[in-house]
Amino acid sequence: MTRVPLSVSAAPRRQIWIAALVACLLRLAYVLWYPQYPLCPDCQVYDRLATNIVSGVGLVGGTSDDPVFAVIDQGAQTPEVGFGPVYPAFLAAIYSTVGHRIGAVRIVQVVLGALIVPLAWHVAASAFGNPTGVVCAWLVAVSPPLVTYTGMLLTENLTIACLLVSTSLFIGAVRSGTRWSFACAGVALGTLILLREEMILLLPAFAGVAWWRGRPRPSSARLAAFVLAALVCVGIWTVRNYVALGRPILISVHGGEQLWISAKGWSEWHFDDPDLRRLATGRSYVERNAAMQRDALRIIAASPARYLMFCFQRLPMLWVSSHTTYIRGLTESFGSYFLRGAYVRLAAKTCLFGIHLALLLMGAWGAFLARRASASPMAAWMLAAPILAITAVHFILFATPRYQVPVLPFVLAFSALAVTRGWRGGGAVEPTWAARGNDS
């Protein structure tokens, strides 16, 4: 029997736009009146790439010209293969409009931060109904990490928006059933993959969830349109890499150094390390990553149990955090503030840690409840897919708390479910307009 979708009332819509306005004001106040963290090394690379694009020389001189390693200078004309093209192009679009103004980037990211509120509501409501969607929207609006990263020249803010759009479009494609809608969802996901390479795991994940839980189940032709559209987007960049460097590089070669630091068990780079200097000195960025990948595989093969121990240690490194790394005045450790007697800062850092940990625990409880409290099992699995994908990637590779930020709205959707359903002990929710046609 097909469930009859309920229409969304004007009251939830008003709440969503109020939440979006609050999100905008919070982020605007943060980037304008709170002292911002200096540009981090990755921020400087993105800024340099965008500046080169605006100057007309193209996407060159990023990681290959990075002074952090300070062991080889390839020059500023080397084609970029350390990062994908989307975020540098995003920055370049802003710089070409208003000039090289970091503040302008932050303002645009404030607008993005406000727009993710209705997007988060849409995907949460698709899975769990309007009440959960509204709570999720408010959690996203006031989330401290999501506010903090608005001020950084990092991919997180744009990735959140692209990930929510991709998820929403794919859920809508399964609902409408047209090849065009599947192709549009594929283009959105392809763009997301060029922004954050690890998101390529969502291509088989989304297609598999739709085949498994979609109601009605999409045809093979429609799923093929989705996959093909995503691969065409990625393939265009792969061809560029081959033309520029003569190597079939899918998106980037950033993974070699990520695997190496993971095999070493480091939580940060030690640039004076003899092994690192041996692998990096005299090599181009591509050659360096290839050498580091080979050495990482050698280290793992020599001691797989040690590497597995590092993998499990990365899970709390990824998920359990105060998210204060980039907040001026709160970047030091808990112990450092305690020993110095900086109790106000210690209290602020502890409060942020407690909020984040509570929401994570609520999200875990919400994921347990989702088995029986879902308007659309397919949509619920699609909310879980990015969380599982990011966790799997950074179980194997280097982890830092900011890598979880793109999937925080999805975690907060499950936290919202715990708020709206778990404490009331309710059963399955009624579907909303956003879940139309997904279940029967």
Protein backbone atom coordinates (compact mmCIF):
# COMPACT_ATOMS: atom_id res chain seq x y z
CA MET A 1 0.00 0.00 0.00
CA THR A 2 1.39 3.40 -0.96
CA ARG A 3 1.63 5.90 1.84
CA VAL A 4 -0.14 9.17 1.18
CA PRO A 5 2.26 12.08 1.69
CA LEU A 6 1.30 14.90 3.94
CA SER A 7 1.73 18.47 2.78
CA VAL A 8 4.09 20.66 4.72
CA SER A 9 2.26 23.41 6.59
CA ALA A 10 3.14 27.09 6.59
CA ALA A 11 4.18 26.95 10.27
CA PRO A 12 7.18 24.62 9.71
CA ARG A 13 8.19 26.73 6.72
CA ARG A 14 8.25 29.85 8.87
CA GLN A 15 10.32 28.03 11.49
CA ILE A 16 12.81 26.93 8.84
CA TRP A 17 13.32 30.43 7.49
CA ILE A 18 13.58 31.84 11.01
CA ALA A 19 16.23 29.19 11.75
CA ALA A 20 18.05 30.18 8.54
CA LEU A 21 17.97 33.83 9.59
CA VAL A 22 19.33 32.96 13.04
CA ALA A 23 22.07 30.89 11.37
CA CYS A 24 22.97 33.84 9.15
CA LEU A 25 23.11 36.29 12.06
CA LEU A 26 25.19 33.97 14.26
CA ARG A 27 27.72 33.35 11.50
CA LEU A 28 27.83 37.00 10.50
CA ALA A 29 28.47 38.06 14.09
CA TYR A 30 31.21 35.44 14.39
CA VAL A 31 33.13 36.41 11.23
CA LEU A 32 32.75 40.17 11.72
CA TRP A 33 33.27 40.64 15.46
CA TYR A 34 35.22 37.61 16.71
CA PRO A 35 38.96 37.58 15.95
CA GLN A 36 39.53 35.08 13.15
CA TYR A 37 42.18 32.36 13.10
CA PRO A 38 45.14 33.09 10.75
CA LEU A 39 45.20 31.32 7.38
CA CYS A 40 46.24 27.70 7.96
CA PRO A 41 48.59 25.90 5.50
CA ASP A 42 45.72 24.39 3.49
CA CYS A 43 43.96 27.78 3.51
CA GLN A 44 47.09 29.36 2.02
CA VAL A 45 47.21 26.74 -0.73
CA TYR A 46 43.57 27.37 -1.69
CA ASP A 47 44.14 31.12 -1.60
CA ARG A 48 47.24 30.82 -3.79
CA LEU A 49 45.41 28.62 -6.32
CA ALA A 50 42.48 31.04 -6.52
CA THR A 51 44.82 34.00 -6.98
CA ASN A 52 46.58 32.20 -9.82
CA ILE A 53 43.25 31.45 -11.51
CA VAL A 54 42.22 35.10 -11.30
CA SER A 55 45.58 36.23 -12.67
CA GLY A 56 45.03 34.06 -15.74
CA VAL A 57 47.73 31.42 -15.26
CA GLY A 58 45.26 28.69 -14.32
CA LEU A 59 45.06 26.15 -11.52
CA VAL A 60 48.79 26.00 -10.81
CA GLY A 61 51.27 26.51 -8.00
CA GLY A 62 49.28 25.13 -5.08
CA THR A 63 50.60 22.08 -3.24
CA SER A 64 53.56 21.89 -5.63
CA ASP A 65 54.63 25.37 -4.50
CA ASP A 66 53.82 24.78 -0.83
CA PRO A 67 56.55 26.16 1.44
CA VAL A 68 55.50 23.90 4.33
CA PHE A 69 57.62 20.94 3.21
CA ALA A 70 60.41 23.30 2.17
CA VAL A 71 62.37 20.50 0.54
CA ILE A 72 61.74 21.15 -3.15
CA ASP A 73 60.45 24.14 -5.06
CA GLN A 74 58.78 23.18 -8.33
CA GLY A 75 57.83 26.75 -9.10
CA ALA A 76 54.50 28.48 -9.36
CA GLN A 77 53.60 27.13 -12.81
CA THR A 78 53.17 23.45 -11.93
CA PRO A 79 49.62 22.16 -12.56
CA GLU A 80 47.76 21.48 -9.31
CA VAL A 81 47.07 17.81 -8.53
CA GLY A 82 46.98 17.94 -4.73
CA PHE A 83 43.44 19.30 -4.52
CA GLY A 84 40.41 19.27 -6.78
CA PRO A 85 39.33 22.37 -8.74
CA VAL A 86 35.98 23.26 -7.18
CA TYR A 87 36.96 25.21 -4.05
CA PRO A 88 39.75 27.19 -5.75
CA ALA A 89 37.26 28.08 -8.50
CA PHE A 90 34.74 29.13 -5.83
CA LEU A 91 37.32 31.46 -4.26
CA ALA A 92 38.40 32.74 -7.67
CA ALA A 93 34.81 33.67 -8.52
CA ILE A 94 34.68 35.81 -5.37
CA TYR A 95 38.11 37.38 -5.92
CA SER A 96 37.34 38.23 -9.53
CA THR A 97 34.19 40.03 -8.38
CA VAL A 98 35.32 42.00 -5.31
CA GLY A 99 39.10 41.66 -5.35
CA HIS A 100 41.39 39.64 -3.09
CA ARG A 101 39.36 40.07 0.06
CA ILE A 102 39.29 37.22 2.58
CA GLY A 103 36.43 38.96 4.39
CA ALA A 104 34.28 38.68 1.27
CA VAL A 105 34.84 34.90 1.22
CA ARG A 106 33.67 34.71 4.81
CA ILE A 107 30.51 36.70 4.02
CA VAL A 108 29.68 34.39 1.09
CA GLN A 109 30.23 31.40 3.39
CA VAL A 110 27.86 33.01 5.90
CA VAL A 111 25.18 32.95 3.20
CA LEU A 112 26.04 29.32 2.44
CA GLY A 113 25.78 28.53 6.15
CA ALA A 114 22.27 29.97 6.18
CA LEU A 115 21.25 28.06 3.04
CA ILE A 116 22.28 24.70 4.48
CA VAL A 117 19.53 25.08 7.12
CA PRO A 118 16.59 24.50 4.72
CA LEU A 119 18.65 21.88 2.89
CA ALA A 120 19.26 20.01 6.14
CA TRP A 121 15.57 20.28 6.97
CA HIS A 122 14.66 18.81 3.59
CA VAL A 123 16.81 15.69 3.86
CA ALA A 124 15.92 15.09 7.53
CA ALA A 125 12.20 15.53 6.82
CA SER A 126 12.52 13.14 3.86
CA ALA A 127 13.67 10.42 6.21
CA PHE A 128 11.95 11.15 9.52
CA GLY A 129 9.11 13.64 8.97
CA ASN A 130 8.65 17.37 9.40
CA PRO A 131 9.03 17.61 13.22
CA THR A 132 12.45 15.96 13.06
CA GLY A 133 13.37 18.10 10.07
CA VAL A 134 12.57 21.29 11.97
CA VAL A 135 14.66 20.24 14.99
CA CYS A 136 17.51 19.28 12.66
CA ALA A 137 17.32 22.71 11.00
CA TRP A 138 17.67 24.45 14.37
CA LEU A 139 20.55 22.20 15.45
CA VAL A 140 22.36 23.00 12.20
CA ALA A 141 21.65 26.71 12.63
CA VAL A 142 23.29 26.95 16.05
CA SER A 143 25.94 24.20 15.76
CA PRO A 144 29.26 25.66 17.07
CA PRO A 145 31.49 23.77 14.57
CA LEU A 146 29.33 24.81 11.63
CA VAL A 147 29.55 28.42 12.80
CA THR A 148 33.34 28.21 13.32
CA TYR A 149 34.23 26.86 9.88
CA THR A 150 32.35 29.70 8.22
CA GLY A 151 35.40 31.85 8.88
CA MET A 152 37.98 29.46 7.39
CA LEU A 153 39.22 29.28 3.80
CA LEU A 154 38.61 25.54 3.79
CA THR A 155 36.30 23.29 1.81
CA GLU A 156 34.04 22.32 4.72
CA ASN A 157 31.33 24.95 4.25
CA LEU A 158 30.95 24.42 0.51
CA THR A 159 31.18 20.65 0.93
CA ILE A 160 28.25 20.65 3.36
CA ALA A 161 26.09 22.55 0.88
CA CYS A 162 27.09 20.34 -2.08
CA LEU A 163 26.59 17.14 -0.07
CA LEU A 164 23.12 18.19 1.06
CA VAL A 165 22.18 19.23 -2.48
CA SER A 166 23.45 15.92 -3.89
CA THR A 167 21.53 13.91 -1.32
CA SER A 168 18.35 15.93 -1.80
CA LEU A 169 18.53 15.67 -5.60
CA PHE A 170 19.05 11.91 -5.47
CA ILE A 171 16.14 11.39 -3.09
CA GLY A 172 14.03 13.54 -5.42
CA ALA A 173 15.23 11.54 -8.45
CA VAL A 174 14.06 8.28 -6.90
CA ARG A 175 10.74 9.98 -6.14
CA SER A 176 10.22 11.39 -9.65
CA GLY A 177 11.75 8.48 -11.52
CA THR A 178 12.97 10.46 -14.56
CA ARG A 179 16.34 9.91 -16.18
CA TRP A 180 16.91 13.66 -16.29
CA SER A 181 16.55 13.94 -12.51
CA PHE A 182 19.01 11.06 -12.02
CA ALA A 183 21.46 12.75 -14.39
CA CYS A 184 21.17 16.05 -12.47
CA ALA A 185 21.83 14.18 -9.21
CA GLY A 186 24.88 12.60 -10.85
CA VAL A 187 26.26 15.99 -11.93
CA ALA A 188 25.80 17.30 -8.38
CA LEU A 189 27.62 14.29 -6.93
CA GLY A 190 30.38 14.56 -9.55
CA THR A 191 30.93 18.18 -8.52
CA LEU A 192 31.05 17.09 -4.88
CA ILE A 193 33.66 14.43 -5.69
CA LEU A 194 35.84 17.06 -7.40
CA LEU A 195 35.52 19.09 -4.21
CA ARG A 196 36.31 16.25 -1.78
CA GLU A 197 37.75 13.14 -3.40
CA GLU A 198 36.64 10.72 -0.68
CA MET A 199 33.01 11.44 -1.58
CA ILE A 200 33.45 9.08 -4.54
CA LEU A 201 32.37 6.34 -2.12
CA LEU A 202 28.87 7.84 -2.23
CA LEU A 203 28.49 6.93 -5.90
CA PRO A 204 28.11 3.17 -5.28
CA ALA A 205 26.54 3.83 -1.87
CA PHE A 206 23.67 5.98 -3.18
CA ALA A 207 23.05 3.71 -6.17
CA GLY A 208 23.13 0.62 -3.94
CA VAL A 209 20.75 2.10 -1.35
CA ALA A 210 18.28 3.10 -4.08
CA TRP A 211 18.39 -0.38 -5.60
CA TRP A 212 18.00 -2.00 -2.19
CA ARG A 213 15.48 0.27 -0.45
CA GLY A 214 13.99 2.47 -3.17
CA ARG A 215 10.20 2.27 -3.53
CA PRO A 216 9.62 2.09 -6.39
CA ARG A 217 13.02 0.64 -7.21
CA PRO A 218 14.69 2.73 -9.92
CA SER A 219 15.48 0.97 -13.18
CA SER A 220 19.01 0.08 -14.20
CA ALA A 221 18.86 2.71 -16.96
CA ARG A 222 18.06 5.46 -14.46
CA LEU A 223 20.82 4.42 -12.07
CA ALA A 224 23.18 4.21 -15.05
CA ALA A 225 22.29 7.83 -15.94
CA PHE A 226 23.20 8.84 -12.37
CA VAL A 227 26.52 6.98 -12.38
CA LEU A 228 27.44 8.06 -15.91
CA ALA A 229 26.75 11.76 -15.22
CA ALA A 230 28.96 11.66 -12.11
CA LEU A 231 31.75 9.83 -13.93
CA VAL A 232 31.66 12.29 -16.84
CA CYS A 233 32.25 15.17 -14.39
CA VAL A 234 35.14 13.36 -12.78
CA GLY A 235 36.42 12.11 -16.13
CA ILE A 236 36.79 15.62 -17.53
CA TRP A 237 39.21 16.43 -14.70
CA THR A 238 41.02 13.11 -15.14
CA VAL A 239 41.63 13.97 -18.79
CA ARG A 240 42.98 17.37 -17.71
CA ASN A 241 45.41 15.66 -15.34
CA TYR A 242 46.59 13.31 -18.09
CA VAL A 243 47.11 16.16 -20.55
CA ALA A 244 48.89 18.31 -17.96
CA LEU A 245 51.09 15.64 -16.38
CA GLY A 246 50.98 12.60 -18.67
CA ARG A 247 49.55 10.42 -15.89
CA PRO A 248 46.03 8.99 -15.44
CA ILE A 249 45.31 10.73 -12.12
CA LEU A 250 41.61 10.38 -11.22
CA ILE A 251 41.29 13.58 -9.16
CA SER A 252 44.37 14.17 -7.04
CA VAL A 253 47.43 12.40 -5.64
CA HIS A 254 46.94 13.65 -2.10
CA GLY A 255 46.35 10.10 -0.84
CA GLY A 256 49.99 8.99 -0.82
CA GLU A 257 51.08 11.35 1.93
CA GLN A 258 47.81 10.73 3.81
CA LEU A 259 48.46 6.98 3.84
CA TRP A 260 52.08 7.51 4.89
CA ILE A 261 51.29 9.71 7.89
CA SER A 262 48.59 7.16 8.82
CA ALA A 263 51.04 4.26 8.65
CA LYS A 264 53.47 6.21 10.84
CA GLY A 265 50.72 6.81 13.40
CA TRP A 266 51.32 10.57 13.51
CA SER A 267 48.61 13.06 14.42
CA GLU A 268 50.57 15.92 12.79
CA TRP A 269 53.49 16.38 10.41
CA HIS A 270 57.08 16.28 11.70
CA PHE A 271 58.93 18.05 8.90
CA ASP A 272 62.37 17.38 10.33
CA ASP A 273 61.82 13.60 10.29
CA PRO A 274 64.68 11.90 8.33
CA ASP A 275 62.35 9.44 6.57
CA LEU A 276 60.04 12.23 5.45
CA ARG A 277 62.92 14.29 4.09
CA ARG A 278 64.35 11.25 2.33
CA LEU A 279 61.05 10.62 0.56
CA ALA A 280 60.35 14.25 -0.29
CA THR A 281 63.72 15.74 -1.21
CA GLY A 282 64.35 16.04 -4.93
CA ARG A 283 60.91 14.78 -5.97
CA SER A 284 57.95 16.50 -7.53
CA TYR A 285 54.63 16.46 -5.69
CA VAL A 286 53.39 13.51 -7.77
CA GLU A 287 56.63 11.58 -7.35
CA ARG A 288 56.71 12.34 -3.63
CA ASN A 289 53.20 10.97 -3.12
CA ALA A 290 54.01 7.84 -5.12
CA ALA A 291 57.14 7.25 -3.04
CA MET A 292 55.25 7.86 0.21
CA GLN A 293 52.51 5.45 -0.83
CA ARG A 294 55.05 2.71 -1.57
CA ASP A 295 56.78 3.30 1.76
CA ALA A 296 53.43 3.34 3.60
CA LEU A 297 52.50 -0.04 2.14
CA ARG A 298 55.90 -1.37 3.20
CA ILE A 299 55.36 -0.10 6.77
CA ILE A 300 51.87 -1.61 6.94
CA ALA A 301 53.03 -4.97 5.56
CA ALA A 302 55.86 -5.08 8.11
CA SER A 303 53.52 -4.52 11.06
CA PRO A 304 49.81 -4.87 10.20
CA ALA A 305 48.75 -5.16 13.85
CA ARG A 306 50.43 -1.86 14.67
CA TYR A 307 48.68 -0.17 11.74
CA LEU A 308 45.33 -1.64 12.82
CA MET A 309 45.88 -0.20 16.29
CA PHE A 310 46.46 3.22 14.69
CA CYS A 311 43.22 2.78 12.71
CA PHE A 312 41.15 2.30 15.85
CA GLN A 313 42.92 5.23 17.51
CA ARG A 314 41.79 7.44 14.62
CA LEU A 315 38.08 6.95 15.39
CA PRO A 316 38.11 9.12 18.55
CA MET A 317 40.52 11.51 16.80
CA LEU A 318 37.89 11.96 14.09
CA TRP A 319 34.73 12.14 16.18
CA VAL A 320 35.50 13.17 19.77
CA SER A 321 36.53 16.81 19.80
CA SER A 322 35.76 20.24 21.18
CA HIS A 323 36.12 21.66 17.64
CA THR A 324 38.18 24.57 18.93
CA THR A 325 41.22 24.07 16.71
CA TYR A 326 40.41 27.19 14.69
CA ILE A 327 38.81 29.34 17.42
CA ARG A 328 41.12 32.13 18.57
CA GLY A 329 41.70 31.93 22.31
CA LEU A 330 40.71 28.26 22.60
CA THR A 331 43.32 26.46 20.51
CA GLU A 332 45.43 25.12 23.39
CA SER A 333 44.75 21.84 25.20
CA PHE A 334 42.53 21.40 28.26
CA GLY A 335 45.61 20.63 30.36
CA SER A 336 47.42 23.74 29.22
CA TYR A 337 44.57 26.03 30.28
CA PHE A 338 44.21 24.20 33.60
CA LEU A 339 47.90 24.51 34.45
CA ARG A 340 47.90 28.20 33.55
CA GLY A 341 44.76 28.84 35.60
CA ALA A 342 42.87 30.08 32.52
CA TYR A 343 39.60 28.74 33.90
CA VAL A 344 37.25 30.86 31.77
CA ARG A 345 38.80 29.53 28.58
CA LEU A 346 38.87 26.04 30.06
CA ALA A 347 35.16 26.31 30.86
CA ALA A 348 34.34 27.54 27.33
CA LYS A 349 36.34 24.72 25.75
CA THR A 350 34.72 22.16 28.09
CA CYS A 351 31.24 23.49 27.30
CA LEU A 352 31.80 23.17 23.55
CA PHE A 353 33.18 19.67 24.03
CA GLY A 354 30.18 18.69 26.14
CA ILE A 355 27.70 20.00 23.56
CA HIS A 356 29.40 18.13 20.74
CA LEU A 357 29.67 14.88 22.69
CA ALA A 358 26.01 15.08 23.76
CA LEU A 359 24.87 15.56 20.17
CA LEU A 360 27.03 12.63 19.03
CA LEU A 361 25.48 10.37 21.68
CA MET A 362 22.00 11.56 20.72
CA GLY A 363 22.86 10.87 17.09
CA ALA A 364 23.86 7.30 17.96
CA TRP A 365 20.57 6.87 19.81
CA GLY A 366 18.70 8.35 16.86
CA ALA A 367 20.41 5.91 14.48
CA PHE A 368 19.17 3.05 16.66
CA LEU A 369 15.64 4.48 16.60
CA ALA A 370 15.73 4.98 12.83
CA ARG A 371 15.04 1.28 12.29
CA ARG A 372 11.40 1.81 13.29
CA ALA A 373 10.93 5.58 13.17
CA SER A 374 11.48 6.38 9.52
CA ALA A 375 9.10 7.82 6.96
CA SER A 376 11.45 6.56 4.24
CA PRO A 377 13.95 3.76 4.96
CA MET A 378 15.80 4.66 1.75
CA ALA A 379 16.23 8.29 2.83
CA ALA A 380 17.33 7.18 6.30
CA TRP A 381 20.04 4.98 4.79
CA MET A 382 21.10 7.84 2.53
CA LEU A 383 21.58 10.02 5.60
CA ALA A 384 23.71 7.30 7.15
CA ALA A 385 25.79 6.69 4.00
CA PRO A 386 27.98 9.86 4.18
CA ILE A 387 28.63 9.29 7.89
CA LEU A 388 29.71 5.70 7.26
CA ALA A 389 31.78 6.67 4.21
CA ILE A 390 33.75 9.40 6.02
CA THR A 391 34.31 7.12 9.02
CA ALA A 392 35.56 4.30 6.78
CA VAL A 393 37.95 6.57 4.85
CA HIS A 394 39.49 8.06 7.97
CA PHE A 395 39.65 4.73 9.76
CA ILE A 396 42.21 3.86 7.08
CA LEU A 397 43.71 7.31 6.47
CA PHE A 398 44.79 10.27 8.59
CA ALA A 399 41.99 11.75 10.72
CA THR A 400 41.41 15.15 12.23
CA PRO A 401 38.18 16.56 13.69
CA ARG A 402 37.49 18.91 10.78
CA TYR A 403 37.08 15.92 8.44
CA GLN A 404 33.79 15.09 10.17
CA VAL A 405 32.35 18.57 9.65
CA PRO A 406 30.84 17.93 6.17
CA VAL A 407 28.64 15.16 7.57
CA LEU A 408 27.66 16.93 10.81
CA PRO A 409 24.20 17.92 9.45
CA PHE A 410 23.56 14.22 8.81
CA VAL A 411 24.61 13.35 12.37
CA LEU A 412 22.34 16.14 13.63
CA ALA A 413 19.43 14.66 11.66
CA PHE A 414 19.74 11.51 13.77
CA SER A 415 20.18 13.65 16.90
CA ALA A 416 16.96 15.45 15.99
CA LEU A 417 15.22 12.10 15.64
CA ALA A 418 16.31 11.22 19.18
CA VAL A 419 14.80 14.51 20.38
CA THR A 420 11.47 14.17 18.57
CA ARG A 421 10.87 10.43 18.81
CA GLY A 422 13.22 8.72 21.23
CA TRP A 423 12.15 10.45 24.42
CA ARG A 424 8.48 9.99 23.54
CA GLY A 425 8.86 6.34 22.62
CA GLY A 426 6.94 6.83 19.38
CA GLY A 427 6.80 4.44 16.46
CA ALA A 428 7.24 5.13 12.77
CA VAL A 429 6.52 8.65 11.65
CA GLU A 430 4.24 9.67 8.85
CA PRO A 431 5.94 10.60 5.59
CA THR A 432 6.15 14.20 4.44
CA TRP A 433 5.99 15.76 1.00
CA ALA A 434 9.75 15.21 0.79
CA ALA A 435 9.34 11.43 1.10
CA ARG A 436 6.77 11.15 -1.69
CA GLY A 437 6.92 7.92 -3.59
CA ASN A 438 9.87 6.44 -1.71
CA ASP A 439 7.98 3.72 0.14
CA SER A 440 5.14 1.41 -0.49
